[in-house]
Amino acid sequence: MARSIRLEFEGAFYHVMARGNRRGPIFVDEQDRRFFLQCLADVCERTGWLVHAWVLMDNHYHLFIQTPEPNLVEGMKWFQNTVTRRFNVRHREWGRLFGDRYKAVVVDGESRYYYETLWDYIHLNPGRAGLVDVTRGQSVLDYPWSSLAGGYALMPHQRAKWLAAESGLATMGVEDTAEGRKMLVERLDKRVAEERERSGFVAVEAGVDRRGSHLRRGWYWGKQTFAEKLMKLGKGALARERKARGYDASPERQAHGEQKALELLEEGLRVANLSADELAGHRCTEPRKVLLAALLWKRTTVSQAWIAEHLGMKKAANVSRVIHGMEGSRIEKRVPAELWSLFSEKEEKMNPDPNGAKLRPFWDDFAA
């Protein structure tokens, strides 16, 4: 059976979901969940994604994301590969972590109805799964691994910068105050109490193609007019895919990530007080070179081979070696302050742990 094409366009909204291989767990403990959220923070930095809602269950996850640039495929490839790699390193496993191809339902995120139903569906997952029992005084807020407890219910300065909480609260029609956030939680708790295991499921409206428009099984979530717009976009994407089976690796798709990387490299060289010729003359372990490599790897989607070529580091293995062996405290003392600021400014936007603990810097994720 042919695989369906991925529709990508500027400003697209998606409901993304993936399960563990053979429906097995993708999280063994809380540290796995923290690593997952760190990867989510990293991919948002690299791609510019905004996350409107998320929830982590034992053997699957749900994301409600918006892509300002048409880069869903590029970002998801990096994201799931990185989550898998870090999981396998930590647990001394190998092979696939996720099962079938991830699902990505295109959503009419400009419509309040379709936005709100997906937002509710994601945050009500713990209630449907029986992980919270509101009849015994519990609340969906008691489940820590969702963007409700880990974002919307927090004060603005405590949230991850990539969580589009302002948009979500505005769409829900509540103010970003203690009272407004309380109303948001109470509404969800009421839905769980009234609907039990069906909480969050929605009926497809009359006049909508039930085969295609569905939160879980369809390929889009919106009205028929929205589907017609997507089908026009799909014809163009299908024509490109037929033209070249390797479209995912084509220059057209790579251009988005490479342009961002070139702009970042130019800025990095300027603050490092280096020219491209001087850069090539330094060893791979030169501190400014190491930090530039880490900056490009952290904030773009280009490959380590691309970084090696543009930084004069000969091969991808050298890039991997210096990034993974990098010690932030030592590097900071040996590079210009402006270069360190360029690198570290995004570190302040790392995802806050839902339980209040600050996540470790990204280079520590590779520690054995």
Protein backbone atom coordinates (compact mmCIF):
# COMPACT_ATOMS: atom_id res chain seq x y z
CA MET A 1 0.00 0.00 0.00
CA ALA A 2 1.38 3.41 -0.97
CA ARG A 3 2.29 5.80 1.82
CA SER A 4 0.26 8.99 1.95
CA ILE A 5 2.06 12.23 1.19
CA ARG A 6 2.81 14.75 3.90
CA LEU A 7 1.19 18.13 3.25
CA GLU A 8 3.51 20.96 4.26
CA PHE A 9 2.85 24.68 4.02
CA GLU A 10 3.61 27.85 5.97
CA GLY A 11 1.61 28.18 9.16
CA ALA A 12 0.19 24.64 9.02
CA PHE A 13 -1.31 23.05 12.15
CA TYR A 14 -0.95 19.31 12.81
CA HIS A 15 -2.09 16.67 15.26
CA VAL A 16 0.99 14.44 15.47
CA MET A 17 0.88 11.07 17.22
CA ALA A 18 3.25 8.11 17.41
CA ARG A 19 3.19 4.82 19.33
CA GLY A 20 5.95 2.58 20.57
CA ASN A 21 7.15 -0.31 18.43
CA ARG A 22 4.67 -3.19 18.82
CA ARG A 23 2.76 -0.80 21.11
CA GLY A 24 5.54 -1.12 23.66
CA PRO A 25 6.48 1.68 26.09
CA ILE A 26 8.44 4.69 24.84
CA PHE A 27 8.98 5.95 28.39
CA VAL A 28 10.44 3.73 31.09
CA ASP A 29 10.71 6.40 33.77
CA GLU A 30 10.47 10.14 34.35
CA GLN A 31 13.96 10.77 33.02
CA ASP A 32 12.87 9.39 29.63
CA ARG A 33 10.04 11.90 29.64
CA ARG A 34 12.45 14.70 30.46
CA PHE A 35 14.70 13.66 27.58
CA PHE A 36 11.66 13.64 25.28
CA LEU A 37 10.72 17.18 26.31
CA GLN A 38 14.31 18.29 25.85
CA CYS A 39 14.22 16.90 22.30
CA LEU A 40 10.94 18.71 21.73
CA ALA A 41 12.52 21.96 22.92
CA ASP A 42 15.51 21.33 20.64
CA VAL A 43 13.44 20.63 17.53
CA CYS A 44 11.39 23.77 18.13
CA GLU A 45 14.63 25.76 18.30
CA ARG A 46 15.82 24.20 15.06
CA THR A 47 12.59 24.54 13.10
CA GLY A 48 10.67 27.42 14.65
CA TRP A 49 7.73 25.16 15.54
CA LEU A 50 5.13 26.26 18.06
CA VAL A 51 3.46 23.67 20.29
CA HIS A 52 -0.15 24.34 21.25
CA ALA A 53 -0.66 21.16 23.31
CA TRP A 54 1.17 17.96 24.22
CA VAL A 55 0.72 14.87 26.37
CA LEU A 56 3.03 11.96 27.09
CA MET A 57 1.42 8.57 27.79
CA ASP A 58 3.29 5.33 28.49
CA ASN A 59 3.38 3.98 24.94
CA HIS A 60 2.48 7.00 22.80
CA TYR A 61 2.47 10.77 22.62
CA HIS A 62 0.27 13.49 21.13
CA LEU A 63 1.43 16.88 19.84
CA PHE A 64 -0.60 19.81 18.52
CA ILE A 65 1.99 21.79 16.59
CA GLN A 66 2.16 24.71 14.18
CA THR A 67 4.92 25.01 11.58
CA PRO A 68 5.61 28.63 10.51
CA GLU A 69 7.78 27.15 7.74
CA PRO A 70 6.89 24.06 5.64
CA ASN A 71 9.24 21.76 7.55
CA LEU A 72 7.17 19.07 9.29
CA VAL A 73 8.99 16.14 7.64
CA GLU A 74 12.44 17.60 8.19
CA GLY A 75 11.73 18.33 11.84
CA MET A 76 10.01 15.02 12.62
CA LYS A 77 12.86 13.05 11.08
CA TRP A 78 15.35 14.75 13.38
CA PHE A 79 13.01 14.60 16.38
CA GLN A 80 12.10 10.91 16.37
CA ASN A 81 15.61 9.81 15.42
CA THR A 82 17.06 11.84 18.28
CA VAL A 83 14.53 10.56 20.83
CA THR A 84 15.27 7.00 19.71
CA ARG A 85 19.02 7.46 19.88
CA ARG A 86 18.96 8.97 23.36
CA PHE A 87 16.57 6.28 24.62
CA ASN A 88 18.77 3.50 23.25
CA VAL A 89 21.97 5.02 24.66
CA ARG A 90 20.44 5.42 28.10
CA HIS A 91 18.91 1.94 28.27
CA ARG A 92 21.60 0.14 26.25
CA GLU A 93 19.02 -0.89 23.66
CA TRP A 94 19.10 -0.85 19.88
CA GLY A 95 16.67 -0.68 16.98
CA ARG A 96 13.34 1.08 16.60
CA LEU A 97 11.62 2.82 19.48
CA PHE A 98 8.53 3.89 17.52
CA GLY A 99 6.27 1.57 15.56
CA ASP A 100 4.52 2.49 12.35
CA ARG A 101 4.97 5.82 10.63
CA TYR A 102 3.90 8.74 12.82
CA LYS A 103 0.45 10.14 12.11
CA ALA A 104 0.14 13.79 11.13
CA VAL A 105 -3.44 15.01 10.72
CA VAL A 106 -3.62 18.49 9.19
CA VAL A 107 -5.84 20.69 11.35
CA ASP A 108 -7.87 23.81 10.60
CA GLY A 109 -6.20 25.61 13.48
CA GLU A 110 -7.73 28.97 12.50
CA SER A 111 -11.17 27.62 13.43
CA ARG A 112 -11.99 27.85 17.12
CA TYR A 113 -14.10 24.68 17.02
CA TYR A 114 -11.41 22.46 15.49
CA TYR A 115 -8.66 24.02 17.59
CA GLU A 116 -10.61 23.57 20.82
CA THR A 117 -11.70 20.00 20.14
CA LEU A 118 -8.12 18.90 19.47
CA TRP A 119 -6.80 20.86 22.47
CA ASP A 120 -9.37 19.14 24.71
CA TYR A 121 -8.78 15.72 23.15
CA ILE A 122 -5.06 15.87 23.95
CA HIS A 123 -5.40 17.13 27.52
CA LEU A 124 -8.18 14.65 28.33
CA ASN A 125 -6.03 11.62 27.44
CA PRO A 126 -5.13 10.87 31.10
CA GLY A 127 -8.84 10.97 32.02
CA ARG A 128 -9.81 8.54 29.25
CA ALA A 129 -6.98 6.23 30.28
CA GLY A 130 -8.14 6.19 33.91
CA LEU A 131 -4.96 7.81 35.19
CA VAL A 132 -6.99 10.44 37.05
CA ASP A 133 -10.33 9.88 38.76
CA VAL A 134 -12.24 13.13 39.19
CA THR A 135 -15.00 11.32 41.12
CA ARG A 136 -12.46 10.84 43.92
CA GLY A 137 -11.31 14.41 44.01
CA GLN A 138 -8.53 14.10 41.47
CA SER A 139 -8.06 16.45 38.51
CA VAL A 140 -6.56 16.28 35.04
CA LEU A 141 -4.09 18.78 36.47
CA ASP A 142 -2.74 15.99 38.69
CA TYR A 143 -1.25 14.29 35.65
CA PRO A 144 2.16 16.03 35.34
CA TRP A 145 3.14 15.04 31.79
CA SER A 146 0.94 17.28 29.67
CA SER A 147 1.01 20.88 28.57
CA LEU A 148 -1.80 21.55 31.05
CA ALA A 149 0.26 20.87 34.18
CA GLY A 150 3.55 21.56 32.39
CA GLY A 151 2.52 24.83 30.78
CA TYR A 152 -0.97 26.31 30.75
CA ALA A 153 -1.50 26.05 34.50
CA LEU A 154 1.84 27.71 35.21
CA MET A 155 2.61 31.41 35.43
CA PRO A 156 3.78 32.90 32.10
CA HIS A 157 7.46 33.18 33.09
CA GLN A 158 7.55 29.47 34.04
CA ARG A 159 6.46 28.19 30.62
CA ALA A 160 8.60 27.00 27.74
CA LYS A 161 8.91 29.77 25.15
CA TRP A 162 7.84 27.42 22.37
CA LEU A 163 4.50 26.65 24.04
CA ALA A 164 1.89 28.81 22.30
CA ALA A 165 -0.02 29.31 25.55
CA GLU A 166 -1.12 32.84 24.68
CA SER A 167 -2.87 31.58 21.55
CA GLY A 168 -4.37 28.62 23.37
CA LEU A 169 -5.79 30.66 26.23
CA ALA A 170 -7.20 33.25 23.82
CA THR A 171 -8.87 30.53 21.76
CA MET A 172 -10.38 29.01 24.89
CA GLY A 173 -11.72 32.43 25.81
CA VAL A 174 -9.98 32.75 29.20
CA GLU A 175 -7.53 35.30 30.53
CA ASP A 176 -4.01 34.39 31.57
CA THR A 177 -4.73 34.89 35.26
CA ALA A 178 -5.01 32.52 38.20
CA GLU A 179 -8.80 32.64 37.89
CA GLY A 180 -8.74 32.11 34.12
CA ARG A 181 -6.39 29.13 34.38
CA LYS A 182 -8.58 27.67 37.14
CA MET A 183 -11.63 27.94 34.87
CA LEU A 184 -9.73 26.09 32.14
CA VAL A 185 -8.94 23.16 34.44
CA GLU A 186 -12.44 23.01 35.89
CA ARG A 187 -13.96 22.80 32.41
CA LEU A 188 -11.76 19.81 31.56
CA ASP A 189 -12.52 18.10 34.88
CA LYS A 190 -16.22 18.54 34.21
CA ARG A 191 -15.88 16.88 30.81
CA VAL A 192 -14.09 13.90 32.37
CA ALA A 193 -16.78 13.54 35.05
CA GLU A 194 -19.63 13.73 32.54
CA GLU A 195 -18.17 11.67 29.71
CA ARG A 196 -15.91 9.21 31.55
CA GLU A 197 -13.90 7.09 29.11
CA ARG A 198 -15.35 8.97 26.10
CA SER A 199 -14.15 12.38 27.29
CA GLY A 200 -12.55 14.31 24.48
CA PHE A 201 -14.01 12.27 21.63
CA VAL A 202 -16.03 14.34 19.19
CA ALA A 203 -18.69 13.53 16.65
CA VAL A 204 -18.01 14.56 13.08
CA GLU A 205 -20.35 17.31 11.97
CA ALA A 206 -22.96 16.80 9.27
CA GLY A 207 -21.66 17.52 5.78
CA VAL A 208 -18.11 16.51 6.65
CA ASP A 209 -16.39 13.57 4.99
CA ARG A 210 -16.26 11.09 7.88
CA ARG A 211 -13.68 8.97 6.08
CA GLY A 212 -11.15 11.76 5.89
CA SER A 213 -11.93 14.23 8.67
CA HIS A 214 -11.20 12.71 12.05
CA LEU A 215 -8.94 13.48 14.98
CA ARG A 216 -7.48 9.97 15.04
CA ARG A 217 -8.10 8.13 11.76
CA GLY A 218 -8.50 10.83 9.12
CA TRP A 219 -5.95 12.85 7.20
CA TYR A 220 -7.40 16.26 8.10
CA TRP A 221 -9.52 17.81 10.86
CA GLY A 222 -11.74 20.57 9.52
CA LYS A 223 -14.65 21.36 7.24
CA GLN A 224 -15.00 20.17 3.66
CA THR A 225 -13.87 23.58 2.35
CA PHE A 226 -10.64 23.15 4.31
CA ALA A 227 -10.17 19.70 2.78
CA GLU A 228 -10.60 21.12 -0.71
CA LYS A 229 -7.83 23.65 -0.09
CA LEU A 230 -5.58 20.85 1.15
CA MET A 231 -6.31 18.70 -1.90
CA LYS A 232 -5.12 21.49 -4.18
CA LEU A 233 -1.91 21.68 -2.20
CA GLY A 234 -1.65 17.89 -2.29
CA LYS A 235 -1.74 17.76 -6.08
CA GLY A 236 1.37 19.90 -6.27
CA ALA A 237 3.15 17.86 -3.61
CA LEU A 238 2.22 14.59 -5.33
CA ALA A 239 3.56 15.87 -8.65
CA ARG A 240 6.89 16.73 -7.04
CA GLU A 241 7.06 13.36 -5.30
CA ARG A 242 6.42 11.49 -8.54
CA LYS A 243 9.06 13.58 -10.26
CA ALA A 244 11.71 12.52 -7.79
CA ARG A 245 11.40 9.69 -5.27
CA GLY A 246 14.22 11.29 -3.33
CA TYR A 247 12.27 14.51 -2.83
CA ASP A 248 12.76 14.42 0.93
CA ALA A 249 16.48 14.91 0.33
CA SER A 250 16.10 17.27 -2.64
CA PRO A 251 17.71 20.72 -2.82
CA GLU A 252 14.28 22.33 -2.57
CA ARG A 253 13.58 20.79 0.84
CA GLN A 254 17.15 21.19 2.10
CA ALA A 255 17.22 24.87 1.19
CA HIS A 256 15.16 25.91 4.22
CA GLY A 257 17.57 24.41 6.75
CA GLU A 258 20.75 25.35 4.91
CA GLN A 259 19.78 29.00 4.50
CA LYS A 260 19.15 29.28 8.23
CA ALA A 261 22.46 27.56 8.95
CA LEU A 262 24.40 29.90 6.64
CA GLU A 263 22.84 32.97 8.28
CA LEU A 264 23.66 31.62 11.74
CA LEU A 265 27.22 30.76 10.70
CA GLU A 266 27.75 34.28 9.33
CA GLU A 267 26.55 35.78 12.59
CA GLY A 268 28.70 33.36 14.60
CA LEU A 269 31.84 34.18 12.65
CA ARG A 270 31.23 37.88 13.16
CA VAL A 271 30.89 37.68 16.95
CA ALA A 272 33.78 35.17 17.13
CA ASN A 273 35.94 37.68 15.21
CA LEU A 274 36.85 35.04 12.64
CA SER A 275 36.91 34.98 8.86
CA ALA A 276 36.07 31.85 6.88
CA ASP A 277 39.75 31.51 5.88
CA GLU A 278 40.93 31.79 9.49
CA LEU A 279 38.35 29.24 10.56
CA ALA A 280 39.70 26.63 8.16
CA GLY A 281 43.19 27.05 9.59
CA HIS A 282 42.23 26.16 13.15
CA ARG A 283 42.15 22.67 14.63
CA CYS A 284 38.81 20.96 15.26
CA THR A 285 39.20 21.42 19.01
CA GLU A 286 39.71 25.20 18.84
CA PRO A 287 37.06 26.54 21.33
CA ARG A 288 35.40 28.99 18.95
CA LYS A 289 35.18 26.28 16.31
CA VAL A 290 33.68 23.81 18.77
CA LEU A 291 31.06 26.31 19.91
CA LEU A 292 30.13 27.22 16.32
CA ALA A 293 29.68 23.52 15.55
CA ALA A 294 27.48 23.06 18.62
CA LEU A 295 25.47 26.16 17.73
CA LEU A 296 24.75 24.92 14.21
CA TRP A 297 23.93 21.40 15.40
CA LYS A 298 21.64 22.66 18.12
CA ARG A 299 19.68 25.30 16.25
CA THR A 300 19.43 24.03 12.67
CA THR A 301 18.60 20.79 10.88
CA VAL A 302 21.73 20.52 8.73
CA SER A 303 23.78 17.34 8.97
CA GLN A 304 27.09 16.95 10.76
CA ALA A 305 28.67 16.39 7.34
CA TRP A 306 27.41 19.84 6.29
CA ILE A 307 28.85 21.38 9.46
CA ALA A 308 32.20 19.63 8.90
CA GLU A 309 32.41 20.98 5.36
CA HIS A 310 31.58 24.58 6.28
CA LEU A 311 33.74 24.70 9.41
CA GLY A 312 36.75 22.95 7.88
CA MET A 313 36.48 19.95 10.20
CA LYS A 314 37.09 17.35 7.44
CA LYS A 315 34.42 14.78 8.41
CA ALA A 316 31.20 14.35 10.36
CA ALA A 317 32.86 12.16 12.98
CA ASN A 318 35.00 15.10 14.07
CA VAL A 319 31.92 17.25 14.57
CA SER A 320 30.24 14.55 16.65
CA ARG A 321 33.35 14.03 18.74
CA VAL A 322 33.92 17.67 19.70
CA ILE A 323 30.23 18.40 20.38
CA HIS A 324 29.72 15.36 22.57
CA GLY A 325 32.99 16.01 24.41
CA MET A 326 32.28 19.68 24.95
CA GLU A 327 32.37 21.01 28.51
CA GLY A 328 30.35 24.19 28.71
CA SER A 329 32.10 25.69 31.74
CA ARG A 330 35.52 25.40 30.11
CA ILE A 331 34.39 26.58 26.68
CA GLU A 332 32.73 29.68 28.11
CA LYS A 333 36.04 30.93 29.55
CA ARG A 334 37.87 30.55 26.23
CA VAL A 335 35.56 32.22 23.72
CA PRO A 336 34.41 35.85 23.23
CA ALA A 337 31.52 36.77 25.53
CA GLU A 338 29.33 37.74 22.57
CA LEU A 339 29.78 34.30 20.98
CA TRP A 340 28.89 32.57 24.22
CA SER A 341 25.83 34.80 24.55
CA LEU A 342 24.71 33.85 21.03
CA PHE A 343 24.98 30.18 21.99
CA SER A 344 23.52 30.39 25.48
CA GLU A 345 20.63 32.76 24.87
CA LYS A 346 18.51 29.85 23.67
CA GLU A 347 19.53 27.71 26.64
CA GLU A 348 17.36 29.97 28.79
CA LYS A 349 14.37 28.86 26.71
CA MET A 350 14.79 25.18 27.44
CA ASN A 351 11.61 23.40 28.43
CA PRO A 352 10.94 23.70 32.17
CA ASP A 353 10.41 20.37 33.83
CA PRO A 354 6.70 19.86 34.71
CA ASN A 355 7.78 19.06 38.27
CA GLY A 356 9.77 22.26 38.63
CA ALA A 357 13.36 21.05 38.04
CA LYS A 358 15.46 22.72 35.35
CA LEU A 359 16.54 20.34 32.62
CA ARG A 360 20.22 19.71 32.05
CA PRO A 361 22.08 21.47 29.23
CA PHE A 362 21.76 19.57 25.97
CA TRP A 363 25.35 18.32 25.84
CA ASP A 364 24.81 16.37 29.08
CA ASP A 365 22.21 14.24 27.28
CA PHE A 366 25.05 12.33 25.63
CA ALA A 367 26.76 11.35 28.85
CA ALA A 368 27.06 7.59 29.27
